[in-house]
Amino acid sequence: MLTQRPASLYGFADRGVLQVGKLADLNLIDLQALKILPPHIARDLPAGGKRFLQGAQGYRYTIKSGQITYRDSMATDALPGRLLKRSEHRVS
């Protein structure tokens, strides 16, 4: 219900539950290994722009649409996502 209710509120009927035919983003977390890493500044934006980043450890897998996108906090080559427009998933 933690994800299903907000998804329904904003009209995303294909999210918030583990069910055949619906989208799912899953994070498998090792709670004993979970920790926040120190923050750092990355200067990787256009024109030398910078941004504040803070990573975490303990995320074993992140799975998007059945594909592993992160394994042990490291990105894989899988990029199953796409730009989501709210109007595409609006429930009448």
PDB file of N, CA and C in Angstrom:
ATOM      1  N   MET A   1       0.818  -1.196   0.000  1.00  0.00           N
ATOM      2  CA  MET A   1       0.000   0.000   0.000  1.00  0.00           C
ATOM      3  C   MET A   1       0.864   1.262   0.000  1.00  0.00           C
ATOM      4  N   LEU A   2       2.099   1.118   0.433  1.00  0.00           N
ATOM      5  CA  LEU A   2       2.982   2.271   0.483  1.00  0.00           C
ATOM      6  C   LEU A   2       3.207   2.875  -0.899  1.00  0.00           C
ATOM      7  N   THR A   3       3.182   2.063  -1.944  1.00  0.00           N
ATOM      8  CA  THR A   3       3.363   2.574  -3.302  1.00  0.00           C
ATOM      9  C   THR A   3       2.075   2.586  -4.107  1.00  0.00           C
ATOM     10  N   GLN A   4       1.169   1.663  -3.816  1.00  0.00           N
ATOM     11  CA  GLN A   4      -0.061   1.579  -4.599  1.00  0.00           C
ATOM     12  C   GLN A   4      -0.966   2.793  -4.412  1.00  0.00           C
ATOM     13  N   ARG A   5      -1.121   3.265  -3.206  1.00  0.00           N
ATOM     14  CA  ARG A   5      -2.018   4.403  -2.970  1.00  0.00           C
ATOM     15  C   ARG A   5      -1.539   5.683  -3.661  1.00  0.00           C
ATOM     16  N   PRO A   6      -0.268   6.073  -3.512  1.00  0.00           N
ATOM     17  CA  PRO A   6       0.177   7.264  -4.242  1.00  0.00           C
ATOM     18  C   PRO A   6       0.088   7.093  -5.757  1.00  0.00           C
ATOM     19  N   ALA A   7       0.410   5.901  -6.259  1.00  0.00           N
ATOM     20  CA  ALA A   7       0.313   5.651  -7.704  1.00  0.00           C
ATOM     21  C   ALA A   7      -1.120   5.848  -8.173  1.00  0.00           C
ATOM     22  N   SER A   8      -2.066   5.300  -7.442  1.00  0.00           N
ATOM     23  CA  SER A   8      -3.483   5.457  -7.805  1.00  0.00           C
ATOM     24  C   SER A   8      -3.922   6.904  -7.726  1.00  0.00           C
ATOM     25  N   LEU A   9      -3.471   7.601  -6.701  1.00  0.00           N
ATOM     26  CA  LEU A   9      -3.828   9.012  -6.532  1.00  0.00           C
ATOM     27  C   LEU A   9      -3.444   9.839  -7.753  1.00  0.00           C
ATOM     28  N   TYR A  10      -2.279   9.539  -8.331  1.00  0.00           N
ATOM     29  CA  TYR A  10      -1.796  10.305  -9.478  1.00  0.00           C
ATOM     30  C   TYR A  10      -2.129   9.650 -10.819  1.00  0.00           C
ATOM     31  N   GLY A  11      -2.964   8.632 -10.796  1.00  0.00           N
ATOM     32  CA  GLY A  11      -3.461   8.061 -12.041  1.00  0.00           C
ATOM     33  C   GLY A  11      -2.583   7.011 -12.691  1.00  0.00           C
ATOM     34  N   PHE A  12      -1.629   6.443 -11.961  1.00  0.00           N
ATOM     35  CA  PHE A  12      -0.755   5.417 -12.514  1.00  0.00           C
ATOM     36  C   PHE A  12      -1.282   4.041 -12.112  1.00  0.00           C
ATOM     37  N   ALA A  13      -2.220   3.521 -12.866  1.00  0.00           N
ATOM     38  CA  ALA A  13      -2.882   2.262 -12.525  1.00  0.00           C
ATOM     39  C   ALA A  13      -1.989   1.048 -12.754  1.00  0.00           C
ATOM     40  N   ASP A  14      -0.868   1.215 -13.457  1.00  0.00           N
ATOM     41  CA  ASP A  14       0.013   0.078 -13.758  1.00  0.00           C
ATOM     42  C   ASP A  14       1.164  -0.037 -12.768  1.00  0.00           C
ATOM     43  N   ARG A  15       1.090   0.657 -11.634  1.00  0.00           N
ATOM     44  CA  ARG A  15       2.185   0.662 -10.657  1.00  0.00           C
ATOM     45  C   ARG A  15       1.670   0.376  -9.255  1.00  0.00           C
ATOM     46  N   GLY A  16       2.601   0.023  -8.383  1.00  0.00           N
ATOM     47  CA  GLY A  16       2.276  -0.102  -6.976  1.00  0.00           C
ATOM     48  C   GLY A  16       1.959  -1.497  -6.488  1.00  0.00           C
ATOM     49  N   VAL A  17       1.901  -2.466  -7.384  1.00  0.00           N
ATOM     50  CA  VAL A  17       1.651  -3.857  -6.988  1.00  0.00           C
ATOM     51  C   VAL A  17       2.522  -4.783  -7.821  1.00  0.00           C
ATOM     52  N   LEU A  18       2.837  -5.940  -7.265  1.00  0.00           N
ATOM     53  CA  LEU A  18       3.546  -6.976  -8.025  1.00  0.00           C
ATOM     54  C   LEU A  18       2.492  -7.873  -8.642  1.00  0.00           C
ATOM     55  N   GLN A  19       2.279  -7.683  -9.932  1.00  0.00           N
ATOM     56  CA  GLN A  19       1.227  -8.411 -10.623  1.00  0.00           C
ATOM     57  C   GLN A  19       1.609  -8.527 -12.096  1.00  0.00           C
ATOM     58  N   VAL A  20       1.301  -9.656 -12.702  1.00  0.00           N
ATOM     59  CA  VAL A  20       1.604  -9.878 -14.115  1.00  0.00           C
ATOM     60  C   VAL A  20       0.976  -8.766 -14.946  1.00  0.00           C
ATOM     61  N   GLY A  21       1.775  -8.220 -15.865  1.00  0.00           N
ATOM     62  CA  GLY A  21       1.291  -7.182 -16.763  1.00  0.00           C
ATOM     63  C   GLY A  21       1.434  -5.767 -16.244  1.00  0.00           C
ATOM     64  N   LYS A  22       1.885  -5.606 -15.004  1.00  0.00           N
ATOM     65  CA  LYS A  22       2.083  -4.266 -14.447  1.00  0.00           C
ATOM     66  C   LYS A  22       3.572  -4.001 -14.325  1.00  0.00           C
ATOM     67  N   LEU A  23       3.922  -2.716 -14.328  1.00  0.00           N
ATOM     68  CA  LEU A  23       5.327  -2.339 -14.190  1.00  0.00           C
ATOM     69  C   LEU A  23       5.750  -2.509 -12.741  1.00  0.00           C
ATOM     70  N   ALA A  24       7.019  -2.829 -12.543  1.00  0.00           N
ATOM     71  CA  ALA A  24       7.523  -2.977 -11.180  1.00  0.00           C
ATOM     72  C   ALA A  24       8.959  -2.501 -11.110  1.00  0.00           C
ATOM     73  N   ASP A  25       9.241  -1.684 -10.138  1.00  0.00           N
ATOM     74  CA  ASP A  25      10.600  -1.289  -9.793  1.00  0.00           C
ATOM     75  C   ASP A  25      10.845  -1.858  -8.400  1.00  0.00           C
ATOM     76  N   LEU A  26      11.819  -2.734  -8.284  1.00  0.00           N
ATOM     77  CA  LEU A  26      12.095  -3.386  -7.010  1.00  0.00           C
ATOM     78  C   LEU A  26      13.501  -3.075  -6.541  1.00  0.00           C
ATOM     79  N   ASN A  27      13.639  -2.855  -5.246  1.00  0.00           N
ATOM     80  CA  ASN A  27      14.946  -2.733  -4.613  1.00  0.00           C
ATOM     81  C   ASN A  27      15.066  -3.850  -3.592  1.00  0.00           C
ATOM     82  N   LEU A  28      16.075  -4.700  -3.748  1.00  0.00           N
ATOM     83  CA  LEU A  28      16.360  -5.747  -2.770  1.00  0.00           C
ATOM     84  C   LEU A  28      17.505  -5.239  -1.905  1.00  0.00           C
ATOM     85  N   ILE A  29      17.231  -5.059  -0.624  1.00  0.00           N
ATOM     86  CA  ILE A  29      18.156  -4.392   0.290  1.00  0.00           C
ATOM     87  C   ILE A  29      18.631  -5.342   1.369  1.00  0.00           C
ATOM     88  N   ASP A  30      19.938  -5.352   1.608  1.00  0.00           N
ATOM     89  CA  ASP A  30      20.541  -6.073   2.722  1.00  0.00           C
ATOM     90  C   ASP A  30      20.570  -5.094   3.893  1.00  0.00           C
ATOM     91  N   LEU A  31      19.595  -5.193   4.780  1.00  0.00           N
ATOM     92  CA  LEU A  31      19.453  -4.208   5.862  1.00  0.00           C
ATOM     93  C   LEU A  31      20.665  -4.169   6.785  1.00  0.00           C
ATOM     94  N   GLN A  32      21.335  -5.287   6.988  1.00  0.00           N
ATOM     95  CA  GLN A  32      22.515  -5.283   7.853  1.00  0.00           C
ATOM     96  C   GLN A  32      23.696  -4.574   7.201  1.00  0.00           C
ATOM     97  N   ALA A  33      23.738  -4.533   5.884  1.00  0.00           N
ATOM     98  CA  ALA A  33      24.832  -3.868   5.171  1.00  0.00           C
ATOM     99  C   ALA A  33      24.472  -2.443   4.758  1.00  0.00           C
ATOM    100  N   LEU A  34      23.243  -2.026   5.009  1.00  0.00           N
ATOM    101  CA  LEU A  34      22.774  -0.721   4.550  1.00  0.00           C
ATOM    102  C   LEU A  34      23.483   0.412   5.281  1.00  0.00           C
ATOM    103  N   LYS A  35      24.069   1.329   4.513  1.00  0.00           N
ATOM    104  CA  LYS A  35      24.675   2.531   5.097  1.00  0.00           C
ATOM    105  C   LYS A  35      24.739   3.636   4.055  1.00  0.00           C
ATOM    106  N   ILE A  36      24.695   4.846   4.537  1.00  0.00           N
ATOM    107  CA  ILE A  36      24.789   6.035   3.691  1.00  0.00           C
ATOM    108  C   ILE A  36      26.260   6.417   3.565  1.00  0.00           C
ATOM    109  N   LEU A  37      26.693   6.724   2.358  1.00  0.00           N
ATOM    110  CA  LEU A  37      28.081   7.124   2.107  1.00  0.00           C
ATOM    111  C   LEU A  37      28.229   8.635   2.277  1.00  0.00           C
ATOM    112  N   PRO A  38      29.450   9.106   2.482  1.00  0.00           N
ATOM    113  CA  PRO A  38      29.650  10.552   2.634  1.00  0.00           C
ATOM    114  C   PRO A  38      29.247  11.306   1.366  1.00  0.00           C
ATOM    115  N   PRO A  39      28.696  12.505   1.526  1.00  0.00           N
ATOM    116  CA  PRO A  39      28.305  13.300   0.359  1.00  0.00           C
ATOM    117  C   PRO A  39      29.530  13.816  -0.393  1.00  0.00           C
ATOM    118  N   HIS A  40      29.327  14.081  -1.678  1.00  0.00           N
ATOM    119  CA  HIS A  40      30.399  14.667  -2.486  1.00  0.00           C
ATOM    120  C   HIS A  40      29.790  15.511  -3.607  1.00  0.00           C
ATOM    121  N   ILE A  41      30.614  16.351  -4.186  1.00  0.00           N
ATOM    122  CA  ILE A  41      30.198  17.210  -5.293  1.00  0.00           C
ATOM    123  C   ILE A  41      30.701  16.595  -6.594  1.00  0.00           C
ATOM    124  N   ALA A  42      29.814  16.466  -7.569  1.00  0.00           N
ATOM    125  CA  ALA A  42      30.194  15.999  -8.907  1.00  0.00           C
ATOM    126  C   ALA A  42      30.086  17.176  -9.866  1.00  0.00           C
ATOM    127  N   ARG A  43      31.117  17.379 -10.667  1.00  0.00           N
ATOM    128  CA  ARG A  43      31.119  18.460 -11.658  1.00  0.00           C
ATOM    129  C   ARG A  43      30.946  17.837 -13.043  1.00  0.00           C
ATOM    130  N   ASP A  44      29.762  17.305 -13.274  1.00  0.00           N
ATOM    131  CA  ASP A  44      29.519  16.582 -14.518  1.00  0.00           C
ATOM    132  C   ASP A  44      28.338  17.135 -15.307  1.00  0.00           C
ATOM    133  N   LEU A  45      27.911  18.321 -14.989  1.00  0.00           N
ATOM    134  CA  LEU A  45      26.821  18.947 -15.723  1.00  0.00           C
ATOM    135  C   LEU A  45      27.375  19.852 -16.822  1.00  0.00           C
ATOM    136  N   PRO A  46      26.569  20.205 -17.796  1.00  0.00           N
ATOM    137  CA  PRO A  46      27.051  21.097 -18.858  1.00  0.00           C
ATOM    138  C   PRO A  46      27.629  22.402 -18.286  1.00  0.00           C
ATOM    139  N   ALA A  47      28.619  22.928 -18.964  1.00  0.00           N
ATOM    140  CA  ALA A  47      29.293  24.179 -18.603  1.00  0.00           C
ATOM    141  C   ALA A  47      29.933  24.100 -17.217  1.00  0.00           C
ATOM    142  N   GLY A  48      30.334  22.894 -16.802  1.00  0.00           N
ATOM    143  CA  GLY A  48      31.030  22.745 -15.524  1.00  0.00           C
ATOM    144  C   GLY A  48      30.121  22.804 -14.310  1.00  0.00           C
ATOM    145  N   GLY A  49      28.842  22.699 -14.536  1.00  0.00           N
ATOM    146  CA  GLY A  49      27.904  22.742 -13.415  1.00  0.00           C
ATOM    147  C   GLY A  49      28.158  21.600 -12.447  1.00  0.00           C
ATOM    148  N   LYS A  50      27.804  21.836 -11.200  1.00  0.00           N
ATOM    149  CA  LYS A  50      28.052  20.814 -10.189  1.00  0.00           C
ATOM    150  C   LYS A  50      26.747  20.399  -9.513  1.00  0.00           C
ATOM    151  N   ARG A  51      26.804  19.219  -8.925  1.00  0.00           N
ATOM    152  CA  ARG A  51      25.650  18.730  -8.180  1.00  0.00           C
ATOM    153  C   ARG A  51      26.122  17.951  -6.968  1.00  0.00           C
ATOM    154  N   PHE A  52      25.278  17.919  -5.969  1.00  0.00           N
ATOM    155  CA  PHE A  52      25.535  17.255  -4.703  1.00  0.00           C
ATOM    156  C   PHE A  52      25.043  15.822  -4.798  1.00  0.00           C
ATOM    157  N   LEU A  53      25.906  14.848  -4.515  1.00  0.00           N
ATOM    158  CA  LEU A  53      25.542  13.437  -4.571  1.00  0.00           C
ATOM    159  C   LEU A  53      25.847  12.753  -3.239  1.00  0.00           C
ATOM    160  N   GLN A  54      25.043  11.763  -2.920  1.00  0.00           N
ATOM    161  CA  GLN A  54      25.303  10.947  -1.743  1.00  0.00           C
ATOM    162  C   GLN A  54      24.808   9.538  -2.027  1.00  0.00           C
ATOM    163  N   GLY A  55      25.723   8.599  -2.036  1.00  0.00           N
ATOM    164  CA  GLY A  55      25.384   7.220  -2.351  1.00  0.00           C
ATOM    165  C   GLY A  55      25.020   6.416  -1.120  1.00  0.00           C
ATOM    166  N   ALA A  56      24.741   5.159  -1.349  1.00  0.00           N
ATOM    167  CA  ALA A  56      24.410   4.228  -0.275  1.00  0.00           C
ATOM    168  C   ALA A  56      24.957   2.858  -0.621  1.00  0.00           C
ATOM    169  N   GLN A  57      25.215   2.060   0.397  1.00  0.00           N
ATOM    170  CA  GLN A  57      25.604   0.670   0.224  1.00  0.00           C
ATOM    171  C   GLN A  57      24.525  -0.210   0.821  1.00  0.00           C
ATOM    172  N   GLY A  58      24.438  -1.424   0.353  1.00  0.00           N
ATOM    173  CA  GLY A  58      23.474  -2.369   0.883  1.00  0.00           C
ATOM    174  C   GLY A  58      22.337  -2.666  -0.075  1.00  0.00           C
ATOM    175  N   TYR A  59      22.262  -1.902  -1.154  1.00  0.00           N
ATOM    176  CA  TYR A  59      21.274  -2.200  -2.192  1.00  0.00           C
ATOM    177  C   TYR A  59      21.857  -3.316  -3.049  1.00  0.00           C
ATOM    178  N   ARG A  60      21.320  -4.515  -2.929  1.00  0.00           N
ATOM    179  CA  ARG A  60      21.863  -5.656  -3.662  1.00  0.00           C
ATOM    180  C   ARG A  60      21.417  -5.647  -5.118  1.00  0.00           C
ATOM    181  N   TYR A  61      20.138  -5.382  -5.347  1.00  0.00           N
ATOM    182  CA  TYR A  61      19.623  -5.348  -6.716  1.00  0.00           C
ATOM    183  C   TYR A  61      18.558  -4.268  -6.846  1.00  0.00           C
ATOM    184  N   THR A  62      18.575  -3.605  -7.985  1.00  0.00           N
ATOM    185  CA  THR A  62      17.456  -2.776  -8.400  1.00  0.00           C
ATOM    186  C   THR A  62      16.979  -3.363  -9.717  1.00  0.00           C
ATOM    187  N   ILE A  63      15.692  -3.653  -9.770  1.00  0.00           N
ATOM    188  CA  ILE A  63      15.112  -4.325 -10.938  1.00  0.00           C
ATOM    189  C   ILE A  63      14.012  -3.454 -11.508  1.00  0.00           C
ATOM    190  N   LYS A  64      14.092  -3.157 -12.794  1.00  0.00           N
ATOM    191  CA  LYS A  64      13.107  -2.343 -13.501  1.00  0.00           C
ATOM    192  C   LYS A  64      12.540  -3.170 -14.637  1.00  0.00           C
ATOM    193  N   SER A  65      11.243  -3.356 -14.656  1.00  0.00           N
ATOM    194  CA  SER A  65      10.580  -4.117 -15.724  1.00  0.00           C
ATOM    195  C   SER A  65      11.248  -5.466 -15.976  1.00  0.00           C
ATOM    196  N   GLY A  66      11.648  -6.153 -14.900  1.00  0.00           N
ATOM    197  CA  GLY A  66      12.236  -7.480 -15.008  1.00  0.00           C
ATOM    198  C   GLY A  66      13.716  -7.516 -15.337  1.00  0.00           C
ATOM    199  N   GLN A  67      14.363  -6.356 -15.482  1.00  0.00           N
ATOM    200  CA  GLN A  67      15.787  -6.315 -15.800  1.00  0.00           C
ATOM    201  C   GLN A  67      16.566  -5.729 -14.632  1.00  0.00           C
ATOM    202  N   ILE A  68      17.707  -6.337 -14.319  1.00  0.00           N
ATOM    203  CA  ILE A  68      18.557  -5.826 -13.242  1.00  0.00           C
ATOM    204  C   ILE A  68      19.294  -4.601 -13.759  1.00  0.00           C
ATOM    205  N   THR A  69      19.030  -3.451 -13.144  1.00  0.00           N
ATOM    206  CA  THR A  69      19.674  -2.203 -13.552  1.00  0.00           C
ATOM    207  C   THR A  69      20.844  -1.824 -12.639  1.00  0.00           C
ATOM    208  N   TYR A  70      20.806  -2.301 -11.393  1.00  0.00           N
ATOM    209  CA  TYR A  70      21.916  -2.109 -10.454  1.00  0.00           C
ATOM    210  C   TYR A  70      22.147  -3.413  -9.717  1.00  0.00           C
ATOM    211  N   ARG A  71      23.423  -3.776  -9.562  1.00  0.00           N
ATOM    212  CA  ARG A  71      23.817  -4.965  -8.804  1.00  0.00           C
ATOM    213  C   ARG A  71      24.889  -4.530  -7.823  1.00  0.00           C
ATOM    214  N   ASP A  72      24.648  -4.727  -6.541  1.00  0.00           N
ATOM    215  CA  ASP A  72      25.573  -4.295  -5.479  1.00  0.00           C
ATOM    216  C   ASP A  72      25.992  -2.841  -5.667  1.00  0.00           C
ATOM    217  N   SER A  73      25.002  -1.992  -5.872  1.00  0.00           N
ATOM    218  CA  SER A  73      25.159  -0.538  -6.001  1.00  0.00           C
ATOM    219  C   SER A  73      25.917  -0.093  -7.249  1.00  0.00           C
ATOM    220  N   MET A  74      26.138  -0.994  -8.187  1.00  0.00           N
ATOM    221  CA  MET A  74      26.821  -0.644  -9.429  1.00  0.00           C
ATOM    222  C   MET A  74      25.849  -0.800 -10.596  1.00  0.00           C
ATOM    223  N   ALA A  75      25.834   0.194 -11.484  1.00  0.00           N
ATOM    224  CA  ALA A  75      24.929   0.153 -12.640  1.00  0.00           C
ATOM    225  C   ALA A  75      25.318  -0.974 -13.594  1.00  0.00           C
ATOM    226  N   THR A  76      24.310  -1.627 -14.149  1.00  0.00           N
ATOM    227  CA  THR A  76      24.522  -2.609 -15.214  1.00  0.00           C
ATOM    228  C   THR A  76      24.297  -1.880 -16.538  1.00  0.00           C
ATOM    229  N   ASP A  77      24.356  -2.579 -17.637  1.00  0.00           N
ATOM    230  CA  ASP A  77      24.104  -1.956 -18.942  1.00  0.00           C
ATOM    231  C   ASP A  77      22.618  -1.891 -19.291  1.00  0.00           C
ATOM    232  N   ALA A  78      21.773  -2.454 -18.447  1.00  0.00           N
ATOM    233  CA  ALA A  78      20.334  -2.484 -18.727  1.00  0.00           C
ATOM    234  C   ALA A  78      19.713  -1.098 -18.511  1.00  0.00           C
ATOM    235  N   LEU A  79      18.978  -0.636 -19.500  1.00  0.00           N
ATOM    236  CA  LEU A  79      18.289   0.660 -19.428  1.00  0.00           C
ATOM    237  C   LEU A  79      16.845   0.494 -19.913  1.00  0.00           C
ATOM    238  N   PRO A  80      16.015  -0.236 -19.147  1.00  0.00           N
ATOM    239  CA  PRO A  80      14.659  -0.520 -19.610  1.00  0.00           C
ATOM    240  C   PRO A  80      13.672   0.633 -19.429  1.00  0.00           C
ATOM    241  N   GLY A  81      14.055   1.679 -18.756  1.00  0.00           N
ATOM    242  CA  GLY A  81      13.128   2.781 -18.500  1.00  0.00           C
ATOM    243  C   GLY A  81      12.929   3.681 -19.705  1.00  0.00           C
ATOM    244  N   ARG A  82      11.935   4.555 -19.584  1.00  0.00           N
ATOM    245  CA  ARG A  82      11.686   5.554 -20.611  1.00  0.00           C
ATOM    246  C   ARG A  82      11.034   6.749 -19.931  1.00  0.00           C
ATOM    247  N   LEU A  83      10.970   7.861 -20.632  1.00  0.00           N
ATOM    248  CA  LEU A  83      10.327   9.055 -20.110  1.00  0.00           C
ATOM    249  C   LEU A  83       8.839   8.784 -19.934  1.00  0.00           C
ATOM    250  N   LEU A  84       8.344   9.076 -18.762  1.00  0.00           N
ATOM    251  CA  LEU A  84       6.935   8.845 -18.458  1.00  0.00           C
ATOM    252  C   LEU A  84       6.199  10.166 -18.469  1.00  0.00           C
ATOM    253  N   LYS A  85       5.158  10.225 -19.262  1.00  0.00           N
ATOM    254  CA  LYS A  85       4.292  11.397 -19.312  1.00  0.00           C
ATOM    255  C   LYS A  85       3.016  11.056 -18.568  1.00  0.00           C
ATOM    256  N   ARG A  86       2.648  11.873 -17.637  1.00  0.00           N
ATOM    257  CA  ARG A  86       1.497  11.581 -16.801  1.00  0.00           C
ATOM    258  C   ARG A  86       0.245  11.308 -17.619  1.00  0.00           C
ATOM    259  N   SER A  87       0.045  12.047 -18.673  1.00  0.00           N
ATOM    260  CA  SER A  87      -1.156  11.887 -19.476  1.00  0.00           C
ATOM    261  C   SER A  87      -1.244  10.510 -20.144  1.00  0.00           C
ATOM    262  N   GLU A  88      -0.096   9.841 -20.338  1.00  0.00           N
ATOM    263  CA  GLU A  88      -0.091   8.509 -20.951  1.00  0.00           C
ATOM    264  C   GLU A  88      -0.698   7.459 -20.045  1.00  0.00           C
ATOM    265  N   HIS A  89      -0.668   7.681 -18.745  1.00  0.00           N
ATOM    266  CA  HIS A  89      -1.097   6.665 -17.793  1.00  0.00           C
ATOM    267  C   HIS A  89      -2.259   7.154 -16.925  1.00  0.00           C
ATOM    268  N   ARG A  90      -2.963   8.115 -17.366  1.00  0.00           N
ATOM    269  CA  ARG A  90      -4.074   8.672 -16.592  1.00  0.00           C
ATOM    270  C   ARG A  90      -5.258   7.719 -16.612  1.00  0.00           C
ATOM    271  N   VAL A  91      -5.814   7.490 -15.453  1.00  0.00           N
ATOM    272  CA  VAL A  91      -7.009   6.652 -15.339  1.00  0.00           C
ATOM    273  C   VAL A  91      -8.234   7.533 -15.454  1.00  0.00           C
ATOM    274  N   SER A  92      -9.228   7.118 -16.239  1.00  0.00           N
ATOM    275  CA  SER A  92     -10.443   7.917 -16.426  1.00  0.00           C
ATOM    276  C   SER A  92     -11.328   7.842 -15.207  1.00  0.00           C
TER     277      SER A  92
END
